[in-house]
mmCIF file of all heavy atoms, coordinates in Angstrom:
data_MODEL
# 
_entry.id   MODEL 
# 
loop_
_atom_site.group_PDB 
_atom_site.id 
_atom_site.type_symbol 
_atom_site.label_atom_id 
_atom_site.label_alt_id 
_atom_site.label_comp_id 
_atom_site.label_asym_id 
_atom_site.label_entity_id 
_atom_site.label_seq_id 
_atom_site.pdbx_PDB_ins_code 
_atom_site.Cartn_x 
_atom_site.Cartn_y 
_atom_site.Cartn_z 
_atom_site.occupancy 
_atom_site.B_iso_or_equiv 
_atom_site.pdbx_formal_charge 
_atom_site.auth_seq_id 
_atom_site.auth_comp_id 
_atom_site.auth_asym_id 
_atom_site.auth_atom_id 
_atom_site.pdbx_PDB_model_num 
ATOM 1   N N   . LEU A 1 1  ? 85.986  87.943 93.257  1.00 0.00 ? 1  LEU A N   1 
ATOM 2   C CA  . LEU A 1 1  ? 84.602  87.472 93.226  1.00 0.00 ? 1  LEU A CA  1 
ATOM 3   C C   . LEU A 1 1  ? 83.735  88.351 92.337  1.00 0.00 ? 1  LEU A C   1 
ATOM 4   O O   . LEU A 1 1  ? 82.809  87.848 91.671  1.00 0.00 ? 1  LEU A O   1 
ATOM 5   C CB  . LEU A 1 1  ? 84.032  87.393 94.638  1.00 0.00 ? 1  LEU A CB  1 
ATOM 6   C CG  . LEU A 1 1  ? 84.612  86.322 95.565  1.00 0.00 ? 1  LEU A CG  1 
ATOM 7   C CD1 . LEU A 1 1  ? 83.750  86.175 96.818  1.00 0.00 ? 1  LEU A CD1 1 
ATOM 8   C CD2 . LEU A 1 1  ? 84.756  84.983 94.882  1.00 0.00 ? 1  LEU A CD2 1 
ATOM 9   N N   . THR A 1 2  ? 84.008  89.638 92.326  1.00 0.00 ? 2  THR A N   1 
ATOM 10  C CA  . THR A 1 2  ? 83.254  90.522 91.422  1.00 0.00 ? 2  THR A CA  1 
ATOM 11  C C   . THR A 1 2  ? 83.465  90.109 89.974  1.00 0.00 ? 2  THR A C   1 
ATOM 12  O O   . THR A 1 2  ? 82.508  90.026 89.174  1.00 0.00 ? 2  THR A O   1 
ATOM 13  C CB  . THR A 1 2  ? 83.689  91.977 91.631  1.00 0.00 ? 2  THR A CB  1 
ATOM 14  O OG1 . THR A 1 2  ? 83.392  92.371 92.980  1.00 0.00 ? 2  THR A OG1 1 
ATOM 15  C CG2 . THR A 1 2  ? 82.969  92.912 90.671  1.00 0.00 ? 2  THR A CG2 1 
ATOM 16  N N   . GLU A 1 3  ? 84.703  89.834 89.601  1.00 0.00 ? 3  GLU A N   1 
ATOM 17  C CA  . GLU A 1 3  ? 85.004  89.417 88.237  1.00 0.00 ? 3  GLU A CA  1 
ATOM 18  C C   . GLU A 1 3  ? 84.418  88.045 87.939  1.00 0.00 ? 3  GLU A C   1 
ATOM 19  O O   . GLU A 1 3  ? 83.872  87.818 86.842  1.00 0.00 ? 3  GLU A O   1 
ATOM 20  C CB  . GLU A 1 3  ? 86.516  89.417 88.010  1.00 0.00 ? 3  GLU A CB  1 
ATOM 21  C CG  . GLU A 1 3  ? 86.963  88.915 86.653  1.00 0.00 ? 3  GLU A CG  1 
ATOM 22  C CD  . GLU A 1 3  ? 86.561  89.794 85.480  1.00 0.00 ? 3  GLU A CD  1 
ATOM 23  O OE1 . GLU A 1 3  ? 85.879  90.822 85.700  1.00 0.00 ? 3  GLU A OE1 1 
ATOM 24  O OE2 . GLU A 1 3  ? 86.900  89.454 84.330  1.00 0.00 ? 3  GLU A OE2 1 
ATOM 25  N N   . GLN A 1 4  ? 84.496  87.130 88.885  1.00 0.00 ? 4  GLN A N   1 
ATOM 26  C CA  . GLN A 1 4  ? 83.966  85.787 88.645  1.00 0.00 ? 4  GLN A CA  1 
ATOM 27  C C   . GLN A 1 4  ? 82.446  85.808 88.537  1.00 0.00 ? 4  GLN A C   1 
ATOM 28  O O   . GLN A 1 4  ? 81.863  85.037 87.761  1.00 0.00 ? 4  GLN A O   1 
ATOM 29  C CB  . GLN A 1 4  ? 84.452  84.838 89.738  1.00 0.00 ? 4  GLN A CB  1 
ATOM 30  C CG  . GLN A 1 4  ? 85.944  84.537 89.592  1.00 0.00 ? 4  GLN A CG  1 
ATOM 31  C CD  . GLN A 1 4  ? 86.500  83.748 90.759  1.00 0.00 ? 4  GLN A CD  1 
ATOM 32  O OE1 . GLN A 1 4  ? 86.254  82.563 90.882  1.00 0.00 ? 4  GLN A OE1 1 
ATOM 33  N NE2 . GLN A 1 4  ? 87.264  84.414 91.608  1.00 0.00 ? 4  GLN A NE2 1 
ATOM 34  N N   . ALA A 1 5  ? 81.788  86.692 89.287  1.00 0.00 ? 5  ALA A N   1 
ATOM 35  C CA  . ALA A 1 5  ? 80.345  86.851 89.133  1.00 0.00 ? 5  ALA A CA  1 
ATOM 36  C C   . ALA A 1 5  ? 80.020  87.390 87.731  1.00 0.00 ? 5  ALA A C   1 
ATOM 37  O O   . ALA A 1 5  ? 79.065  86.953 87.080  1.00 0.00 ? 5  ALA A O   1 
ATOM 38  C CB  . ALA A 1 5  ? 79.803  87.795 90.201  1.00 0.00 ? 5  ALA A CB  1 
ATOM 39  N N   . ARG A 1 6  ? 80.842  88.306 87.243  1.00 0.00 ? 6  ARG A N   1 
ATOM 40  C CA  . ARG A 1 6  ? 80.614  88.900 85.923  1.00 0.00 ? 6  ARG A CA  1 
ATOM 41  C C   . ARG A 1 6  ? 80.721  87.867 84.813  1.00 0.00 ? 6  ARG A C   1 
ATOM 42  O O   . ARG A 1 6  ? 79.908  87.865 83.865  1.00 0.00 ? 6  ARG A O   1 
ATOM 43  C CB  . ARG A 1 6  ? 81.599  90.044 85.684  1.00 0.00 ? 6  ARG A CB  1 
ATOM 44  C CG  . ARG A 1 6  ? 81.361  90.796 84.366  1.00 0.00 ? 6  ARG A CG  1 
ATOM 45  C CD  . ARG A 1 6  ? 82.450  91.808 84.093  1.00 0.00 ? 6  ARG A CD  1 
ATOM 46  N NE  . ARG A 1 6  ? 83.696  91.182 83.680  1.00 0.00 ? 6  ARG A NE  1 
ATOM 47  C CZ  . ARG A 1 6  ? 83.966  90.765 82.446  1.00 0.00 ? 6  ARG A CZ  1 
ATOM 48  N NH1 . ARG A 1 6  ? 83.055  90.886 81.484  1.00 0.00 ? 6  ARG A NH1 1 
ATOM 49  N NH2 . ARG A 1 6  ? 85.139  90.219 82.151  1.00 0.00 ? 6  ARG A NH2 1 
ATOM 50  N N   . ILE A 1 7  ? 81.711  86.978 84.902  1.00 0.00 ? 7  ILE A N   1 
ATOM 51  C CA  . ILE A 1 7  ? 81.940  86.026 83.818  1.00 0.00 ? 7  ILE A CA  1 
ATOM 52  C C   . ILE A 1 7  ? 81.229  84.689 84.044  1.00 0.00 ? 7  ILE A C   1 
ATOM 53  O O   . ILE A 1 7  ? 81.318  83.786 83.205  1.00 0.00 ? 7  ILE A O   1 
ATOM 54  C CB  . ILE A 1 7  ? 83.449  85.785 83.598  1.00 0.00 ? 7  ILE A CB  1 
ATOM 55  C CG1 . ILE A 1 7  ? 84.098  85.122 84.816  1.00 0.00 ? 7  ILE A CG1 1 
ATOM 56  C CG2 . ILE A 1 7  ? 84.148  87.087 83.235  1.00 0.00 ? 7  ILE A CG2 1 
ATOM 57  C CD1 . ILE A 1 7  ? 85.584  84.791 84.621  1.00 0.00 ? 7  ILE A CD1 1 
ATOM 58  N N   . GLY A 1 8  ? 80.542  84.559 85.173  1.00 0.00 ? 8  GLY A N   1 
ATOM 59  C CA  . GLY A 1 8  ? 79.795  83.341 85.455  1.00 0.00 ? 8  GLY A CA  1 
ATOM 60  C C   . GLY A 1 8  ? 80.649  82.168 85.873  1.00 0.00 ? 8  GLY A C   1 
ATOM 61  O O   . GLY A 1 8  ? 80.322  81.013 85.566  1.00 0.00 ? 8  GLY A O   1 
ATOM 62  N N   . ALA A 1 9  ? 81.729  82.435 86.586  1.00 0.00 ? 9  ALA A N   1 
ATOM 63  C CA  . ALA A 1 9  ? 82.661  81.386 87.007  1.00 0.00 ? 9  ALA A CA  1 
ATOM 64  C C   . ALA A 1 9  ? 82.444  81.020 88.471  1.00 0.00 ? 9  ALA A C   1 
ATOM 65  O O   . ALA A 1 9  ? 82.010  81.847 89.285  1.00 0.00 ? 9  ALA A O   1 
ATOM 66  C CB  . ALA A 1 9  ? 84.103  81.841 86.796  1.00 0.00 ? 9  ALA A CB  1 
ATOM 67  N N   . LEU A 1 10 ? 82.784  79.808 88.807  1.00 0.00 ? 10 LEU A N   1 
ATOM 68  C CA  . LEU A 1 10 ? 82.692  79.296 90.169  1.00 0.00 ? 10 LEU A CA  1 
ATOM 69  C C   . LEU A 1 10 ? 83.967  79.624 90.937  1.00 0.00 ? 10 LEU A C   1 
ATOM 70  O O   . LEU A 1 10 ? 85.077  79.387 90.444  1.00 0.00 ? 10 LEU A O   1 
ATOM 71  C CB  . LEU A 1 10 ? 82.483  77.781 90.133  1.00 0.00 ? 10 LEU A CB  1 
ATOM 72  C CG  . LEU A 1 10 ? 82.537  77.024 91.469  1.00 0.00 ? 10 LEU A CG  1 
ATOM 73  C CD1 . LEU A 1 10 ? 81.402  77.464 92.389  1.00 0.00 ? 10 LEU A CD1 1 
ATOM 74  C CD2 . LEU A 1 10 ? 82.485  75.516 91.232  1.00 0.00 ? 10 LEU A CD2 1 
ATOM 75  N N   . ALA A 1 11 ? 83.813  80.147 92.146  1.00 0.00 ? 11 ALA A N   1 
ATOM 76  C CA  . ALA A 1 11 ? 84.950  80.396 93.035  1.00 0.00 ? 11 ALA A CA  1 
ATOM 77  C C   . ALA A 1 11 ? 85.026  79.279 94.063  1.00 0.00 ? 11 ALA A C   1 
ATOM 78  O O   . ALA A 1 11 ? 84.050  78.999 94.757  1.00 0.00 ? 11 ALA A O   1 
ATOM 79  C CB  . ALA A 1 11 ? 84.783  81.739 93.748  1.00 0.00 ? 11 ALA A CB  1 
ATOM 80  N N   . ILE A 1 12 ? 86.183  78.625 94.150  1.00 0.00 ? 12 ILE A N   1 
ATOM 81  C CA  . ILE A 1 12 ? 86.383  77.571 95.149  1.00 0.00 ? 12 ILE A CA  1 
ATOM 82  C C   . ILE A 1 12 ? 87.443  78.065 96.131  1.00 0.00 ? 12 ILE A C   1 
ATOM 83  O O   . ILE A 1 12 ? 88.496  78.563 95.734  1.00 0.00 ? 12 ILE A O   1 
ATOM 84  C CB  . ILE A 1 12 ? 86.760  76.231 94.491  1.00 0.00 ? 12 ILE A CB  1 
ATOM 85  C CG1 . ILE A 1 12 ? 88.088  76.311 93.728  1.00 0.00 ? 12 ILE A CG1 1 
ATOM 86  C CG2 . ILE A 1 12 ? 85.645  75.786 93.547  1.00 0.00 ? 12 ILE A CG2 1 
ATOM 87  C CD1 . ILE A 1 12 ? 88.598  74.970 93.242  1.00 0.00 ? 12 ILE A CD1 1 
ATOM 88  N N   . ILE A 1 13 ? 87.160  77.928 97.424  1.00 0.00 ? 13 ILE A N   1 
ATOM 89  C CA  . ILE A 1 13 ? 87.908  78.682 98.427  1.00 0.00 ? 13 ILE A CA  1 
ATOM 90  C C   . ILE A 1 13 ? 88.441  77.778 99.534  1.00 0.00 ? 13 ILE A C   1 
ATOM 91  O O   . ILE A 1 13 ? 87.691  77.011 100.145 1.00 0.00 ? 13 ILE A O   1 
ATOM 92  C CB  . ILE A 1 13 ? 87.031  79.771 99.062  1.00 0.00 ? 13 ILE A CB  1 
ATOM 93  C CG1 . ILE A 1 13 ? 86.373  80.651 97.991  1.00 0.00 ? 13 ILE A CG1 1 
ATOM 94  C CG2 . ILE A 1 13 ? 87.846  80.608 100.039 1.00 0.00 ? 13 ILE A CG2 1 
ATOM 95  C CD1 . ILE A 1 13 ? 87.301  81.487 97.162  1.00 0.00 ? 13 ILE A CD1 1 
ATOM 96  N N   . HIS A 1 14 ? 89.753  77.909 99.794  1.00 0.00 ? 14 HIS A N   1 
ATOM 97  C CA  . HIS A 1 14 ? 90.355  77.369 101.017 1.00 0.00 ? 14 HIS A CA  1 
ATOM 98  C C   . HIS A 1 14 ? 90.115  78.407 102.102 1.00 0.00 ? 14 HIS A C   1 
ATOM 99  O O   . HIS A 1 14 ? 90.708  79.492 102.087 1.00 0.00 ? 14 HIS A O   1 
ATOM 100 C CB  . HIS A 1 14 ? 91.845  77.130 100.810 1.00 0.00 ? 14 HIS A CB  1 
ATOM 101 C CG  . HIS A 1 14 ? 92.537  76.576 102.026 1.00 0.00 ? 14 HIS A CG  1 
ATOM 102 N ND1 . HIS A 1 14 ? 93.251  75.386 102.006 1.00 0.00 ? 14 HIS A ND1 1 
ATOM 103 C CD2 . HIS A 1 14 ? 92.663  77.037 103.295 1.00 0.00 ? 14 HIS A CD2 1 
ATOM 104 C CE1 . HIS A 1 14 ? 93.760  75.156 103.199 1.00 0.00 ? 14 HIS A CE1 1 
ATOM 105 N NE2 . HIS A 1 14 ? 93.420  76.148 103.999 1.00 0.00 ? 14 HIS A NE2 1 
ATOM 106 N N   . ALA A 1 15 ? 89.230  78.073 103.035 1.00 0.00 ? 15 ALA A N   1 
ATOM 107 C CA  . ALA A 1 15 ? 88.745  79.054 104.001 1.00 0.00 ? 15 ALA A CA  1 
ATOM 108 C C   . ALA A 1 15 ? 89.325  78.805 105.391 1.00 0.00 ? 15 ALA A C   1 
ATOM 109 O O   . ALA A 1 15 ? 88.775  78.049 106.195 1.00 0.00 ? 15 ALA A O   1 
ATOM 110 C CB  . ALA A 1 15 ? 87.222  79.033 104.052 1.00 0.00 ? 15 ALA A CB  1 
ATOM 111 N N   . GLU A 1 16 ? 90.457  79.442 105.667 1.00 0.00 ? 16 GLU A N   1 
ATOM 112 C CA  . GLU A 1 16 ? 91.000  79.571 107.017 1.00 0.00 ? 16 GLU A CA  1 
ATOM 113 C C   . GLU A 1 16 ? 91.452  81.019 107.163 1.00 0.00 ? 16 GLU A C   1 
ATOM 114 O O   . GLU A 1 16 ? 91.966  81.624 106.215 1.00 0.00 ? 16 GLU A O   1 
ATOM 115 C CB  . GLU A 1 16 ? 92.176  78.621 107.256 1.00 0.00 ? 16 GLU A CB  1 
ATOM 116 C CG  . GLU A 1 16 ? 91.794  77.156 107.365 1.00 0.00 ? 16 GLU A CG  1 
ATOM 117 C CD  . GLU A 1 16 ? 93.007  76.281 107.676 1.00 0.00 ? 16 GLU A CD  1 
ATOM 118 O OE1 . GLU A 1 16 ? 93.842  76.097 106.754 1.00 0.00 ? 16 GLU A OE1 1 
ATOM 119 O OE2 . GLU A 1 16 ? 93.130  75.792 108.808 1.00 0.00 ? 16 GLU A OE2 1 
ATOM 120 N N   . ASP A 1 17 ? 91.268  81.583 108.342 1.00 0.00 ? 17 ASP A N   1 
ATOM 121 C CA  . ASP A 1 17 ? 91.576  82.991 108.563 1.00 0.00 ? 17 ASP A CA  1 
ATOM 122 C C   . ASP A 1 17 ? 93.001  83.163 109.076 1.00 0.00 ? 17 ASP A C   1 
ATOM 123 O O   . ASP A 1 17 ? 93.364  82.580 110.109 1.00 0.00 ? 17 ASP A O   1 
ATOM 124 C CB  . ASP A 1 17 ? 90.593  83.584 109.565 1.00 0.00 ? 17 ASP A CB  1 
ATOM 125 C CG  . ASP A 1 17 ? 90.782  85.079 109.710 1.00 0.00 ? 17 ASP A CG  1 
ATOM 126 O OD1 . ASP A 1 17 ? 90.251  85.828 108.874 1.00 0.00 ? 17 ASP A OD1 1 
ATOM 127 O OD2 . ASP A 1 17 ? 91.506  85.491 110.649 1.00 0.00 ? 17 ASP A OD2 1 
ATOM 128 N N   . PRO A 1 18 ? 93.835  83.966 108.403 1.00 0.00 ? 18 PRO A N   1 
ATOM 129 C CA  . PRO A 1 18 ? 95.233  84.075 108.818 1.00 0.00 ? 18 PRO A CA  1 
ATOM 130 C C   . PRO A 1 18 ? 95.416  84.721 110.178 1.00 0.00 ? 18 PRO A C   1 
ATOM 131 O O   . PRO A 1 18 ? 96.344  84.361 110.923 1.00 0.00 ? 18 PRO A O   1 
ATOM 132 C CB  . PRO A 1 18 ? 95.872  84.913 107.705 1.00 0.00 ? 18 PRO A CB  1 
ATOM 133 C CG  . PRO A 1 18 ? 94.740  85.614 107.037 1.00 0.00 ? 18 PRO A CG  1 
ATOM 134 C CD  . PRO A 1 18 ? 93.551  84.717 107.169 1.00 0.00 ? 18 PRO A CD  1 
ATOM 135 N N   . ALA A 1 19 ? 94.547  85.675 110.543 1.00 0.00 ? 19 ALA A N   1 
ATOM 136 C CA  . ALA A 1 19 ? 94.687  86.325 111.846 1.00 0.00 ? 19 ALA A CA  1 
ATOM 137 C C   . ALA A 1 19 ? 94.395  85.345 112.979 1.00 0.00 ? 19 ALA A C   1 
ATOM 138 O O   . ALA A 1 19 ? 95.087  85.345 114.013 1.00 0.00 ? 19 ALA A O   1 
ATOM 139 C CB  . ALA A 1 19 ? 93.759  87.534 111.928 1.00 0.00 ? 19 ALA A CB  1 
ATOM 140 N N   . VAL A 1 20 ? 93.382  84.506 112.803 1.00 0.00 ? 20 VAL A N   1 
ATOM 141 C CA  . VAL A 1 20 ? 93.082  83.492 113.826 1.00 0.00 ? 20 VAL A CA  1 
ATOM 142 C C   . VAL A 1 20 ? 94.219  82.497 113.930 1.00 0.00 ? 20 VAL A C   1 
ATOM 143 O O   . VAL A 1 20 ? 94.631  82.112 115.049 1.00 0.00 ? 20 VAL A O   1 
ATOM 144 C CB  . VAL A 1 20 ? 91.757  82.779 113.499 1.00 0.00 ? 20 VAL A CB  1 
ATOM 145 C CG1 . VAL A 1 20 ? 91.512  81.625 114.475 1.00 0.00 ? 20 VAL A CG1 1 
ATOM 146 C CG2 . VAL A 1 20 ? 90.587  83.760 113.541 1.00 0.00 ? 20 VAL A CG2 1 
ATOM 147 N N   . LEU A 1 21 ? 94.763  82.078 112.804 1.00 0.00 ? 21 LEU A N   1 
ATOM 148 C CA  . LEU A 1 21 ? 95.891  81.144 112.827 1.00 0.00 ? 21 LEU A CA  1 
ATOM 149 C C   . LEU A 1 21 ? 97.099  81.759 113.517 1.00 0.00 ? 21 LEU A C   1 
ATOM 150 O O   . LEU A 1 21 ? 97.791  81.097 114.303 1.00 0.00 ? 21 LEU A O   1 
ATOM 151 C CB  . LEU A 1 21 ? 96.256  80.731 111.407 1.00 0.00 ? 21 LEU A CB  1 
ATOM 152 C CG  . LEU A 1 21 ? 95.205  79.916 110.640 1.00 0.00 ? 21 LEU A CG  1 
ATOM 153 C CD1 . LEU A 1 21 ? 95.677  79.652 109.219 1.00 0.00 ? 21 LEU A CD1 1 
ATOM 154 C CD2 . LEU A 1 21 ? 94.890  78.605 111.343 1.00 0.00 ? 21 LEU A CD2 1 
ATOM 155 N N   . GLU A 1 22 ? 97.354  83.029 113.249 1.00 0.00 ? 22 GLU A N   1 
ATOM 156 C CA  . GLU A 1 22 ? 98.515  83.687 113.856 1.00 0.00 ? 22 GLU A CA  1 
ATOM 157 C C   . GLU A 1 22 ? 98.363  83.821 115.355 1.00 0.00 ? 22 GLU A C   1 
ATOM 158 O O   . GLU A 1 22 ? 99.343  83.723 116.104 1.00 0.00 ? 22 GLU A O   1 
ATOM 159 C CB  . GLU A 1 22 ? 98.709  85.062 113.218 1.00 0.00 ? 22 GLU A CB  1 
ATOM 160 C CG  . GLU A 1 22 ? 99.977  85.769 113.653 1.00 0.00 ? 22 GLU A CG  1 
ATOM 161 C CD  . GLU A 1 22 ? 100.201 87.069 112.921 1.00 0.00 ? 22 GLU A CD  1 
ATOM 162 O OE1 . GLU A 1 22 ? 99.581  87.286 111.860 1.00 0.00 ? 22 GLU A OE1 1 
ATOM 163 O OE2 . GLU A 1 22 ? 101.015 87.877 113.398 1.00 0.00 ? 22 GLU A OE2 1 
ATOM 164 N N   . ALA A 1 23 ? 97.129  84.007 115.812 1.00 0.00 ? 23 ALA A N   1 
ATOM 165 C CA  . ALA A 1 23 ? 96.884  84.176 117.246 1.00 0.00 ? 23 ALA A CA  1 
ATOM 166 C C   . ALA A 1 23 ? 96.822  82.853 117.997 1.00 0.00 ? 23 ALA A C   1 
ATOM 167 O O   . ALA A 1 23 ? 96.935  82.836 119.233 1.00 0.00 ? 23 ALA A O   1 
ATOM 168 C CB  . ALA A 1 23 ? 95.574  84.941 117.451 1.00 0.00 ? 23 ALA A CB  1 
ATOM 169 N N   . ALA A 1 24 ? 96.637  81.748 117.285 1.00 0.00 ? 24 ALA A N   1 
ATOM 170 C CA  . ALA A 1 24 ? 96.521  80.442 117.935 1.00 0.00 ? 24 ALA A CA  1 
ATOM 171 C C   . ALA A 1 24 ? 97.875  80.007 118.496 1.00 0.00 ? 24 ALA A C   1 
ATOM 172 O O   . ALA A 1 24 ? 98.924  80.417 117.994 1.00 0.00 ? 24 ALA A O   1 
ATOM 173 C CB  . ALA A 1 24 ? 96.009  79.415 116.942 1.00 0.00 ? 24 ALA A CB  1 
ATOM 174 N N   . PRO A 1 25 ? 97.861  79.163 119.521 1.00 0.00 ? 25 PRO A N   1 
ATOM 175 C CA  . PRO A 1 25 ? 99.139  78.688 120.081 1.00 0.00 ? 25 PRO A CA  1 
ATOM 176 C C   . PRO A 1 25 ? 99.921  77.871 119.076 1.00 0.00 ? 25 PRO A C   1 
ATOM 177 O O   . PRO A 1 25 ? 99.361  76.985 118.418 1.00 0.00 ? 25 PRO A O   1 
ATOM 178 C CB  . PRO A 1 25 ? 98.701  77.838 121.281 1.00 0.00 ? 25 PRO A CB  1 
ATOM 179 C CG  . PRO A 1 25 ? 97.281  77.452 120.999 1.00 0.00 ? 25 PRO A CG  1 
ATOM 180 C CD  . PRO A 1 25 ? 96.703  78.587 120.227 1.00 0.00 ? 25 PRO A CD  1 
# 
């Protein structure tokens, strides 16, 4: 994100947390 902010690029994110997924049944 620091680099993308520098070059003016858009970051698109698949947002799921691996720790929550690992702890889920």
